């Protein structure tokens, strides 16, 4: 018994494009979550000290 496995590779790169994915990362996209996390941690620590 012979089993042949074939794959479709024609136009794979065009098919595998995600239109919702950004092509370049800006510094703001990386920095904003860092700032938010720092502020939220400092707020929680401040609340623990004063409460």
Protein backbone atom coordinates (compact mmCIF):
# COMPACT_ATOMS: atom_id res chain seq x y z
CA UNK A 1 0.00 0.00 0.00
CA UNK A 2 1.41 3.35 -1.01
CA UNK A 3 0.44 6.50 0.79
CA UNK A 4 1.15 9.76 -0.95
CA UNK A 5 1.15 12.95 1.04
CA UNK A 6 1.09 16.18 -0.88
CA UNK A 7 0.92 19.73 0.32
CA UNK A 8 -0.35 22.83 -1.30
CA UNK A 9 2.41 25.42 -1.46
CA UNK A 10 1.09 27.61 -4.24
CA UNK A 11 0.45 31.18 -3.04
CA UNK A 12 1.04 30.17 0.57
CA UNK A 13 2.63 33.51 1.53
CA UNK A 14 -0.34 35.51 0.22
CA UNK A 15 -2.79 33.22 2.00
CA UNK A 16 -0.91 33.33 5.29
CA UNK A 17 -1.18 37.13 5.78
CA UNK A 18 -3.08 38.36 8.84
CA UNK A 19 -4.65 41.74 8.00
CA UNK A 20 -5.18 42.53 11.71
CA UNK A 21 -1.50 42.13 12.62
CA UNK A 22 0.62 45.27 12.77
CA UNK A 23 3.74 45.22 10.64
CA UNK A 24 5.88 47.52 12.82
CA UNK A 25 5.97 47.95 16.58
CA UNK A 26 6.13 51.52 17.84
CA UNK A 27 7.81 52.53 21.07
CA UNK A 28 4.46 53.65 22.50
CA UNK A 29 2.96 50.20 22.00
CA UNK A 30 5.75 48.69 24.09
CA UNK A 31 6.01 51.46 26.68
CA UNK A 32 2.32 51.94 27.53
CA UNK A 33 1.83 48.54 29.24
CA UNK A 34 5.03 49.11 31.24
CA UNK A 35 3.84 52.50 32.47
CA UNK A 36 0.41 51.11 33.33
CA UNK A 37 1.89 48.21 35.29
CA UNK A 38 4.27 50.48 37.21
CA UNK A 39 1.50 52.90 38.15
CA UNK A 40 -0.87 50.15 39.18
CA UNK A 41 1.77 48.45 41.35
CA UNK A 42 2.75 51.74 43.00
CA UNK A 43 -0.90 52.58 43.65
CA UNK A 44 -1.46 49.21 45.30
CA UNK A 45 1.67 49.63 47.46
CA UNK A 46 0.59 53.13 48.46
CA UNK A 47 -2.86 51.86 49.40
CA UNK A 48 -1.33 49.05 51.51
CA UNK A 49 0.81 51.56 53.42
CA UNK A 50 -1.99 54.05 54.11
CA UNK A 51 -4.78 51.58 54.76
